[in-house]
Amino acid sequence: MSDVLWTDIDNYLLTNLLADMGTGGLYSTLVVNEVLLSDSFKPEKYSPPAIVIFSNNAKPIMQDEHGDGLIHIFSEYRYFIAAVDAEQTTYAVAKANAQALVQRLRIFALSHYALSGIASTPGDYYEAVEYVTMQDMRVEVMGGNVGGKFRGVGVMPLTVRARI
């Protein structure tokens, strides 16, 4: 691990999402080709099925002493994880694929609930993941107007709560 927990969480998600959902992972259909970090959504640039991780927001929360004589900071690292399917010829198939992919993201979050105890390098400001919460998942189907192709996208927001 590094001295930056946020980077460690990013790397954990990149590695383990591909391990679970990519070649040799848990699934024989909708096998993910790539998992990447991004700050913009450009599905035409991905090699679908793909997972795109957005992790641009963190909320620090100052806390008083907790019996150890130290003031702690809790941080909420906010993630949006999008599963992007390849283009399909029907809306129904695109939506079903997006639903399957977002369900797999949910299973991933449940099976990696504490993100395996990720923590920064011990030191004066040692930070560790406490827990993960999921927010409302969403499925969108894009396209249909040009060329009759549809692309399903499933999004799962996560908040990773950590403590220094």
N, C-alpha and C. Protein backbone atom coordinates (compact mmCIF):
# COMPACT_ATOMS: atom_id res chain seq x y z
N MET A 1 0.83 -1.19 0.00
CA MET A 1 0.00 0.00 0.00
C MET A 1 0.87 1.25 0.00
N SER A 2 0.25 2.35 -0.32
CA SER A 2 0.99 3.62 -0.39
C SER A 2 0.60 4.49 0.79
N ASP A 3 1.05 5.73 0.77
CA ASP A 3 0.65 6.66 1.82
C ASP A 3 -0.61 7.44 1.42
N VAL A 4 -1.23 7.09 0.30
CA VAL A 4 -2.45 7.76 -0.15
C VAL A 4 -3.55 6.71 -0.30
N LEU A 5 -4.45 6.67 0.65
CA LEU A 5 -5.51 5.66 0.64
C LEU A 5 -6.38 5.76 -0.60
N TRP A 6 -6.69 6.95 -1.03
CA TRP A 6 -7.56 7.14 -2.19
C TRP A 6 -6.98 6.44 -3.42
N THR A 7 -5.69 6.58 -3.64
CA THR A 7 -5.01 5.89 -4.74
C THR A 7 -5.07 4.38 -4.56
N ASP A 8 -4.90 3.93 -3.34
CA ASP A 8 -4.96 2.49 -3.05
C ASP A 8 -6.35 1.92 -3.34
N ILE A 9 -7.39 2.69 -3.02
CA ILE A 9 -8.76 2.24 -3.31
C ILE A 9 -8.95 2.16 -4.82
N ASP A 10 -8.52 3.19 -5.55
CA ASP A 10 -8.60 3.17 -7.02
C ASP A 10 -7.93 1.91 -7.58
N ASN A 11 -6.71 1.65 -7.14
CA ASN A 11 -5.96 0.49 -7.64
C ASN A 11 -6.61 -0.83 -7.27
N TYR A 12 -7.16 -0.91 -6.07
CA TYR A 12 -7.86 -2.12 -5.64
C TYR A 12 -9.05 -2.38 -6.56
N LEU A 13 -9.84 -1.33 -6.83
CA LEU A 13 -11.01 -1.49 -7.70
C LEU A 13 -10.59 -1.88 -9.12
N LEU A 14 -9.58 -1.21 -9.65
CA LEU A 14 -9.11 -1.53 -11.00
C LEU A 14 -8.71 -3.01 -11.11
N THR A 15 -7.92 -3.47 -10.18
CA THR A 15 -7.40 -4.84 -10.21
C THR A 15 -8.49 -5.88 -9.96
N ASN A 16 -9.29 -5.66 -8.94
CA ASN A 16 -10.24 -6.69 -8.53
C ASN A 16 -11.51 -6.73 -9.37
N LEU A 17 -11.93 -5.60 -9.90
CA LEU A 17 -13.07 -5.65 -10.83
C LEU A 17 -12.70 -6.44 -12.08
N LEU A 18 -11.50 -6.23 -12.60
CA LEU A 18 -11.07 -6.99 -13.77
C LEU A 18 -10.90 -8.47 -13.44
N ALA A 19 -10.36 -8.76 -12.27
CA ALA A 19 -10.19 -10.17 -11.87
C ALA A 19 -11.53 -10.88 -11.74
N ASP A 20 -12.53 -10.19 -11.17
CA ASP A 20 -13.85 -10.82 -10.97
C ASP A 20 -14.69 -10.86 -12.24
N MET A 21 -14.62 -9.80 -13.06
CA MET A 21 -15.55 -9.67 -14.18
C MET A 21 -14.88 -9.85 -15.55
N GLY A 22 -13.56 -9.97 -15.57
CA GLY A 22 -12.83 -10.13 -16.82
C GLY A 22 -12.57 -11.58 -17.17
N THR A 23 -11.71 -11.80 -18.15
CA THR A 23 -11.33 -13.15 -18.58
C THR A 23 -10.78 -13.92 -17.39
N GLY A 24 -11.26 -15.14 -17.22
CA GLY A 24 -10.82 -15.96 -16.09
C GLY A 24 -11.55 -15.62 -14.79
N GLY A 25 -12.50 -14.71 -14.85
CA GLY A 25 -13.24 -14.30 -13.67
C GLY A 25 -14.44 -15.19 -13.39
N LEU A 26 -15.46 -14.61 -12.83
CA LEU A 26 -16.63 -15.35 -12.36
C LEU A 26 -17.68 -15.62 -13.43
N TYR A 27 -17.59 -14.97 -14.59
CA TYR A 27 -18.68 -15.01 -15.56
C TYR A 27 -18.21 -15.50 -16.93
N SER A 28 -19.15 -16.15 -17.64
CA SER A 28 -18.83 -16.64 -18.99
C SER A 28 -19.50 -15.78 -20.07
N THR A 29 -20.40 -14.89 -19.66
CA THR A 29 -21.04 -13.97 -20.60
C THR A 29 -20.74 -12.55 -20.14
N LEU A 30 -20.85 -11.61 -21.06
CA LEU A 30 -20.58 -10.20 -20.76
C LEU A 30 -19.25 -10.05 -20.02
N VAL A 31 -18.24 -10.74 -20.51
CA VAL A 31 -16.91 -10.70 -19.90
C VAL A 31 -16.28 -9.33 -20.17
N VAL A 32 -15.86 -8.67 -19.12
CA VAL A 32 -15.32 -7.31 -19.22
C VAL A 32 -13.95 -7.32 -19.88
N ASN A 33 -13.78 -6.46 -20.86
CA ASN A 33 -12.50 -6.33 -21.58
C ASN A 33 -11.53 -5.37 -20.93
N GLU A 34 -12.07 -4.33 -20.29
CA GLU A 34 -11.18 -3.35 -19.65
C GLU A 34 -11.87 -2.68 -18.47
N VAL A 35 -11.05 -2.28 -17.51
CA VAL A 35 -11.49 -1.49 -16.37
C VAL A 35 -10.56 -0.29 -16.32
N LEU A 36 -11.12 0.91 -16.29
CA LEU A 36 -10.29 2.10 -16.32
C LEU A 36 -10.82 3.20 -15.44
N LEU A 37 -9.91 4.09 -15.04
CA LEU A 37 -10.28 5.31 -14.32
C LEU A 37 -10.50 6.41 -15.35
N SER A 38 -11.47 7.27 -15.09
CA SER A 38 -11.71 8.38 -16.00
C SER A 38 -12.38 9.52 -15.25
N ASP A 39 -12.36 10.69 -15.86
CA ASP A 39 -13.12 11.80 -15.31
C ASP A 39 -14.17 12.29 -16.30
N SER A 40 -14.31 11.55 -17.42
CA SER A 40 -15.36 11.86 -18.39
C SER A 40 -15.90 10.56 -18.98
N PHE A 41 -17.11 10.62 -19.45
CA PHE A 41 -17.79 9.44 -19.98
C PHE A 41 -17.76 9.49 -21.50
N LYS A 42 -17.00 8.56 -22.12
CA LYS A 42 -16.85 8.51 -23.58
C LYS A 42 -16.97 7.06 -24.03
N PRO A 43 -18.18 6.51 -24.07
CA PRO A 43 -18.35 5.09 -24.37
C PRO A 43 -17.80 4.66 -25.73
N GLU A 44 -17.74 5.57 -26.68
CA GLU A 44 -17.20 5.22 -28.00
C GLU A 44 -15.70 4.92 -27.95
N LYS A 45 -15.04 5.31 -26.89
CA LYS A 45 -13.60 5.09 -26.75
C LYS A 45 -13.26 3.81 -25.98
N TYR A 46 -14.27 3.14 -25.43
CA TYR A 46 -14.03 1.96 -24.61
C TYR A 46 -14.07 0.69 -25.45
N SER A 47 -13.54 -0.37 -24.89
CA SER A 47 -13.61 -1.69 -25.50
C SER A 47 -14.62 -2.52 -24.69
N PRO A 48 -15.91 -2.38 -25.01
CA PRO A 48 -16.95 -2.98 -24.17
C PRO A 48 -17.03 -4.50 -24.31
N PRO A 49 -17.60 -5.13 -23.31
CA PRO A 49 -18.03 -4.56 -22.05
C PRO A 49 -16.85 -3.99 -21.27
N ALA A 50 -17.08 -2.84 -20.68
CA ALA A 50 -16.03 -2.15 -19.95
C ALA A 50 -16.59 -1.60 -18.64
N ILE A 51 -15.70 -1.42 -17.68
CA ILE A 51 -16.06 -0.80 -16.41
C ILE A 51 -15.26 0.50 -16.33
N VAL A 52 -15.95 1.59 -16.03
CA VAL A 52 -15.31 2.89 -15.90
C VAL A 52 -15.53 3.38 -14.47
N ILE A 53 -14.43 3.74 -13.82
CA ILE A 53 -14.47 4.18 -12.43
C ILE A 53 -14.24 5.68 -12.39
N PHE A 54 -15.16 6.39 -11.77
CA PHE A 54 -15.04 7.82 -11.57
C PHE A 54 -14.84 8.05 -10.07
N SER A 55 -13.73 8.67 -9.71
CA SER A 55 -13.44 8.89 -8.28
C SER A 55 -12.84 10.26 -8.08
N ASN A 56 -13.64 11.28 -8.28
CA ASN A 56 -13.13 12.65 -8.24
C ASN A 56 -13.58 13.44 -7.01
N ASN A 57 -14.37 12.83 -6.12
CA ASN A 57 -14.90 13.57 -4.99
C ASN A 57 -14.64 12.86 -3.67
N ALA A 58 -14.22 13.65 -2.69
CA ALA A 58 -14.05 13.15 -1.33
C ALA A 58 -14.56 14.21 -0.38
N LYS A 59 -15.18 13.75 0.70
CA LYS A 59 -15.74 14.67 1.68
C LYS A 59 -15.07 14.39 3.03
N PRO A 60 -14.22 15.33 3.53
CA PRO A 60 -13.62 15.15 4.84
C PRO A 60 -14.58 15.62 5.94
N ILE A 61 -14.57 14.91 7.05
CA ILE A 61 -15.44 15.24 8.18
C ILE A 61 -14.56 15.25 9.43
N MET A 62 -14.38 16.42 10.05
CA MET A 62 -13.57 16.52 11.27
C MET A 62 -14.37 15.98 12.46
N GLN A 63 -13.66 15.29 13.34
CA GLN A 63 -14.28 14.74 14.54
C GLN A 63 -13.45 15.13 15.76
N ASP A 64 -14.10 15.18 16.91
CA ASP A 64 -13.39 15.46 18.16
C ASP A 64 -12.58 14.25 18.58
N GLU A 65 -11.92 14.39 19.72
CA GLU A 65 -11.13 13.29 20.26
C GLU A 65 -12.00 12.06 20.49
N HIS A 66 -11.40 10.90 20.34
CA HIS A 66 -12.12 9.63 20.50
C HIS A 66 -11.51 8.79 21.61
N GLY A 67 -11.12 9.44 22.70
CA GLY A 67 -10.58 8.70 23.82
C GLY A 67 -9.10 8.40 23.70
N ASP A 68 -8.53 8.68 22.55
CA ASP A 68 -7.10 8.42 22.37
C ASP A 68 -6.29 9.71 22.36
N GLY A 69 -6.95 10.84 22.66
CA GLY A 69 -6.25 12.11 22.71
C GLY A 69 -6.02 12.74 21.35
N LEU A 70 -6.51 12.13 20.30
CA LEU A 70 -6.30 12.63 18.95
C LEU A 70 -7.61 13.03 18.30
N ILE A 71 -7.54 14.04 17.44
CA ILE A 71 -8.70 14.40 16.62
C ILE A 71 -8.61 13.60 15.34
N HIS A 72 -9.71 13.00 14.94
CA HIS A 72 -9.72 12.16 13.75
C HIS A 72 -10.46 12.85 12.61
N ILE A 73 -10.07 12.50 11.40
CA ILE A 73 -10.78 12.94 10.20
C ILE A 73 -11.36 11.70 9.54
N PHE A 74 -12.65 11.75 9.30
CA PHE A 74 -13.29 10.71 8.51
C PHE A 74 -13.43 11.26 7.10
N SER A 75 -13.20 10.42 6.14
CA SER A 75 -13.34 10.84 4.75
C SER A 75 -14.31 9.92 4.04
N GLU A 76 -15.13 10.50 3.21
CA GLU A 76 -16.02 9.73 2.35
C GLU A 76 -15.55 9.90 0.92
N TYR A 77 -14.97 8.83 0.39
CA TYR A 77 -14.52 8.82 -1.00
C TYR A 77 -15.69 8.35 -1.85
N ARG A 78 -16.09 9.21 -2.77
CA ARG A 78 -17.31 8.92 -3.55
C ARG A 78 -16.94 8.42 -4.93
N TYR A 79 -17.53 7.30 -5.27
CA TYR A 79 -17.25 6.62 -6.53
C TYR A 79 -18.53 6.44 -7.33
N PHE A 80 -18.39 6.57 -8.64
CA PHE A 80 -19.42 6.15 -9.58
C PHE A 80 -18.74 5.11 -10.46
N ILE A 81 -19.30 3.92 -10.46
CA ILE A 81 -18.75 2.86 -11.27
C ILE A 81 -19.77 2.53 -12.35
N ALA A 82 -19.35 2.70 -13.60
CA ALA A 82 -20.25 2.49 -14.74
C ALA A 82 -19.83 1.25 -15.51
N ALA A 83 -20.81 0.41 -15.81
CA ALA A 83 -20.59 -0.76 -16.66
C ALA A 83 -21.19 -0.43 -18.03
N VAL A 84 -20.36 -0.51 -19.06
CA VAL A 84 -20.77 -0.10 -20.42
C VAL A 84 -20.77 -1.34 -21.31
N ASP A 85 -21.91 -1.63 -21.91
CA ASP A 85 -22.03 -2.77 -22.81
C ASP A 85 -21.71 -2.35 -24.25
N ALA A 86 -21.48 -3.34 -25.10
CA ALA A 86 -21.30 -3.11 -26.53
C ALA A 86 -22.65 -2.69 -27.13
N GLU A 87 -22.61 -2.17 -28.34
CA GLU A 87 -23.85 -1.80 -29.02
C GLU A 87 -24.67 -3.05 -29.32
N GLN A 88 -25.98 -2.92 -29.17
CA GLN A 88 -26.92 -4.01 -29.42
C GLN A 88 -27.94 -3.55 -30.45
N THR A 89 -28.64 -4.50 -31.06
CA THR A 89 -29.61 -4.15 -32.09
C THR A 89 -30.99 -3.84 -31.52
N THR A 90 -31.25 -4.19 -30.26
CA THR A 90 -32.55 -3.88 -29.67
C THR A 90 -32.38 -3.22 -28.31
N TYR A 91 -33.36 -2.42 -27.97
CA TYR A 91 -33.40 -1.75 -26.68
C TYR A 91 -33.44 -2.79 -25.55
N ALA A 92 -34.27 -3.81 -25.72
CA ALA A 92 -34.45 -4.83 -24.68
C ALA A 92 -33.14 -5.54 -24.33
N VAL A 93 -32.37 -5.91 -25.33
CA VAL A 93 -31.10 -6.60 -25.08
C VAL A 93 -30.12 -5.65 -24.40
N ALA A 94 -30.04 -4.40 -24.87
CA ALA A 94 -29.14 -3.42 -24.27
C ALA A 94 -29.50 -3.19 -22.80
N LYS A 95 -30.79 -3.09 -22.50
CA LYS A 95 -31.21 -2.87 -21.11
C LYS A 95 -30.91 -4.11 -20.26
N ALA A 96 -31.22 -5.28 -20.76
CA ALA A 96 -30.96 -6.52 -20.00
C ALA A 96 -29.47 -6.69 -19.71
N ASN A 97 -28.63 -6.38 -20.67
CA ASN A 97 -27.18 -6.48 -20.46
C ASN A 97 -26.71 -5.47 -19.42
N ALA A 98 -27.23 -4.25 -19.48
CA ALA A 98 -26.86 -3.24 -18.49
C ALA A 98 -27.32 -3.67 -17.10
N GLN A 99 -28.51 -4.25 -17.01
CA GLN A 99 -29.00 -4.74 -15.72
C GLN A 99 -28.11 -5.87 -15.19
N ALA A 100 -27.69 -6.77 -16.06
CA ALA A 100 -26.81 -7.87 -15.63
C ALA A 100 -25.47 -7.32 -15.16
N LEU A 101 -24.91 -6.37 -15.88
CA LEU A 101 -23.61 -5.81 -15.51
C LEU A 101 -23.68 -5.05 -14.18
N VAL A 102 -24.74 -4.26 -13.97
CA VAL A 102 -24.84 -3.52 -12.72
C VAL A 102 -25.12 -4.48 -11.55
N GLN A 103 -25.83 -5.56 -11.81
CA GLN A 103 -26.02 -6.58 -10.77
C GLN A 103 -24.67 -7.19 -10.39
N ARG A 104 -23.81 -7.42 -11.36
CA ARG A 104 -22.47 -7.96 -11.07
C ARG A 104 -21.63 -6.96 -10.28
N LEU A 105 -21.79 -5.68 -10.56
CA LEU A 105 -21.11 -4.67 -9.75
C LEU A 105 -21.60 -4.73 -8.31
N ARG A 106 -22.88 -4.91 -8.15
CA ARG A 106 -23.45 -5.03 -6.80
C ARG A 106 -22.89 -6.25 -6.07
N ILE A 107 -22.81 -7.37 -6.77
CA ILE A 107 -22.23 -8.58 -6.18
C ILE A 107 -20.78 -8.33 -5.81
N PHE A 108 -20.04 -7.64 -6.67
CA PHE A 108 -18.66 -7.29 -6.37
C PHE A 108 -18.59 -6.48 -5.07
N ALA A 109 -19.43 -5.44 -4.97
CA ALA A 109 -19.41 -4.59 -3.77
C ALA A 109 -19.75 -5.39 -2.52
N LEU A 110 -20.68 -6.31 -2.64
CA LEU A 110 -21.05 -7.13 -1.48
C LEU A 110 -19.94 -8.10 -1.10
N SER A 111 -19.26 -8.66 -2.08
CA SER A 111 -18.22 -9.64 -1.77
C SER A 111 -16.90 -8.99 -1.38
N HIS A 112 -16.76 -7.70 -1.65
CA HIS A 112 -15.55 -6.95 -1.26
C HIS A 112 -15.97 -5.81 -0.34
N TYR A 113 -16.91 -6.07 0.57
CA TYR A 113 -17.59 -5.03 1.33
C TYR A 113 -16.65 -4.06 2.03
N ALA A 114 -15.66 -4.55 2.71
CA ALA A 114 -14.73 -3.66 3.42
C ALA A 114 -13.51 -3.35 2.57
N LEU A 115 -13.57 -3.69 1.30
CA LEU A 115 -12.44 -3.53 0.39
C LEU A 115 -11.18 -4.13 1.00
N SER A 116 -11.38 -5.32 1.56
CA SER A 116 -10.29 -6.13 2.12
C SER A 116 -9.37 -5.37 3.06
N GLY A 117 -9.93 -4.49 3.85
CA GLY A 117 -9.14 -3.80 4.87
C GLY A 117 -8.05 -2.90 4.32
N ILE A 118 -8.30 -2.24 3.20
CA ILE A 118 -7.30 -1.36 2.60
C ILE A 118 -6.92 -0.26 3.60
N ALA A 119 -5.64 -0.02 3.71
CA ALA A 119 -5.14 1.02 4.60
C ALA A 119 -3.88 1.63 3.98
N SER A 120 -3.66 2.89 4.29
CA SER A 120 -2.44 3.54 3.83
C SER A 120 -1.25 3.04 4.66
N THR A 121 -0.07 3.39 4.24
CA THR A 121 1.14 3.00 4.95
C THR A 121 1.12 3.58 6.36
N PRO A 122 1.37 2.74 7.37
CA PRO A 122 1.35 3.26 8.74
C PRO A 122 2.30 4.45 8.91
N GLY A 123 1.88 5.38 9.71
CA GLY A 123 2.65 6.59 9.97
C GLY A 123 1.81 7.52 10.81
N ASP A 124 2.18 8.77 10.84
CA ASP A 124 1.43 9.74 11.65
C ASP A 124 -0.01 9.89 11.19
N TYR A 125 -0.25 9.75 9.90
CA TYR A 125 -1.60 9.94 9.36
C TYR A 125 -2.09 8.68 8.66
N TYR A 126 -2.02 7.59 9.36
CA TYR A 126 -2.47 6.29 8.87
C TYR A 126 -3.97 6.35 8.63
N GLU A 127 -4.41 5.95 7.45
CA GLU A 127 -5.84 5.99 7.10
C GLU A 127 -6.29 4.60 6.67
N ALA A 128 -7.47 4.20 7.13
CA ALA A 128 -7.97 2.87 6.81
C ALA A 128 -9.44 2.92 6.43
N VAL A 129 -9.83 2.03 5.51
CA VAL A 129 -11.24 1.91 5.12
C VAL A 129 -12.01 1.32 6.30
N GLU A 130 -13.14 1.94 6.62
CA GLU A 130 -14.01 1.41 7.67
C GLU A 130 -15.16 0.60 7.08
N TYR A 131 -15.83 1.17 6.08
CA TYR A 131 -16.92 0.44 5.44
C TYR A 131 -17.28 1.09 4.11
N VAL A 132 -18.12 0.40 3.37
CA VAL A 132 -18.56 0.84 2.05
C VAL A 132 -20.08 0.86 2.03
N THR A 133 -20.66 1.89 1.44
CA THR A 133 -22.11 1.92 1.25
C THR A 133 -22.42 2.09 -0.23
N MET A 134 -23.51 1.47 -0.66
CA MET A 134 -23.99 1.61 -2.04
C MET A 134 -25.16 2.58 -2.05
N GLN A 135 -25.26 3.35 -3.12
CA GLN A 135 -26.41 4.21 -3.31
C GLN A 135 -27.27 3.63 -4.43
N ASP A 136 -28.25 4.40 -4.86
CA ASP A 136 -29.18 3.94 -5.88
C ASP A 136 -28.46 3.60 -7.19
N MET A 137 -28.69 2.39 -7.67
CA MET A 137 -28.14 1.99 -8.96
C MET A 137 -29.06 2.51 -10.07
N ARG A 138 -28.49 2.65 -11.25
CA ARG A 138 -29.27 3.18 -12.37
C ARG A 138 -28.86 2.48 -13.65
N VAL A 139 -29.82 2.28 -14.53
CA VAL A 139 -29.58 1.71 -15.85
C VAL A 139 -30.09 2.71 -16.89
N GLU A 140 -29.26 2.95 -17.89
CA GLU A 140 -29.64 3.83 -19.00
C GLU A 140 -29.40 3.09 -20.30
N VAL A 141 -30.24 3.36 -21.29
CA VAL A 141 -30.02 2.83 -22.63
C VAL A 141 -29.89 4.04 -23.55
N MET A 142 -28.75 4.09 -24.23
CA MET A 142 -28.47 5.21 -25.13
C MET A 142 -28.62 4.75 -26.57
N GLY A 143 -28.89 5.69 -27.43
CA GLY A 143 -28.89 5.41 -28.86
C GLY A 143 -30.26 5.15 -29.43
N GLY A 144 -30.28 4.42 -30.54
CA GLY A 144 -31.52 4.10 -31.23
C GLY A 144 -31.82 5.04 -32.38
N ASN A 145 -31.36 6.28 -32.27
CA ASN A 145 -31.68 7.27 -33.30
C ASN A 145 -30.78 7.15 -34.53
N VAL A 146 -29.52 6.87 -34.31
CA VAL A 146 -28.57 6.81 -35.42
C VAL A 146 -28.16 5.36 -35.65
N GLY A 147 -28.52 4.81 -36.76
CA GLY A 147 -28.12 3.45 -37.09
C GLY A 147 -28.87 2.36 -36.35
N GLY A 148 -29.81 2.75 -35.52
CA GLY A 148 -30.62 1.75 -34.83
C GLY A 148 -29.89 0.94 -33.78
N LYS A 149 -28.74 1.37 -33.32
CA LYS A 149 -27.97 0.64 -32.31
C LYS A 149 -28.25 1.22 -30.93
N PHE A 150 -28.20 0.34 -29.92
CA PHE A 150 -28.46 0.72 -28.54
C PHE A 150 -27.28 0.29 -27.68
N ARG A 151 -26.97 1.09 -26.67
CA ARG A 151 -25.89 0.76 -25.75
C ARG A 151 -26.42 0.89 -24.32
N GLY A 152 -26.30 -0.20 -23.56
CA GLY A 152 -26.74 -0.20 -22.18
C GLY A 152 -25.61 0.20 -21.24
N VAL A 153 -25.97 0.99 -20.24
CA VAL A 153 -25.01 1.44 -19.23
C VAL A 153 -25.67 1.28 -17.87
N GLY A 154 -24.97 0.62 -16.96
CA GLY A 154 -25.43 0.50 -15.58
C GLY A 154 -24.46 1.25 -14.67
N VAL A 155 -25.00 2.01 -13.72
CA VAL A 155 -24.16 2.81 -12.83
C VAL A 155 -24.45 2.44 -11.38
N MET A 156 -23.38 2.25 -10.62
CA MET A 156 -23.51 1.99 -9.19
C MET A 156 -22.63 2.97 -8.43
N PRO A 157 -23.24 3.90 -7.69
CA PRO A 157 -22.46 4.79 -6.83
C PRO A 157 -22.06 4.06 -5.54
N LEU A 158 -20.84 4.30 -5.11
CA LEU A 158 -20.33 3.76 -3.85
C LEU A 158 -19.74 4.90 -3.05
N THR A 159 -19.85 4.80 -1.73
CA THR A 159 -19.12 5.68 -0.85
C THR A 159 -18.24 4.82 0.03
N VAL A 160 -16.95 5.12 0.03
CA VAL A 160 -16.00 4.40 0.86
C VAL A 160 -15.66 5.32 2.03
N ARG A 161 -16.01 4.90 3.23
CA ARG A 161 -15.73 5.70 4.42
C ARG A 161 -14.43 5.23 5.05
N ALA A 162 -13.56 6.19 5.33
CA ALA A 162 -12.25 5.88 5.91
C ALA A 162 -12.00 6.81 7.09
N ARG A 163 -11.02 6.43 7.90
CA ARG A 163 -10.69 7.21 9.10
C ARG A 163 -9.19 7.37 9.22
N ILE A 164 -8.78 8.59 9.55
CA ILE A 164 -7.38 8.86 9.90
C ILE A 164 -7.33 8.91 11.41
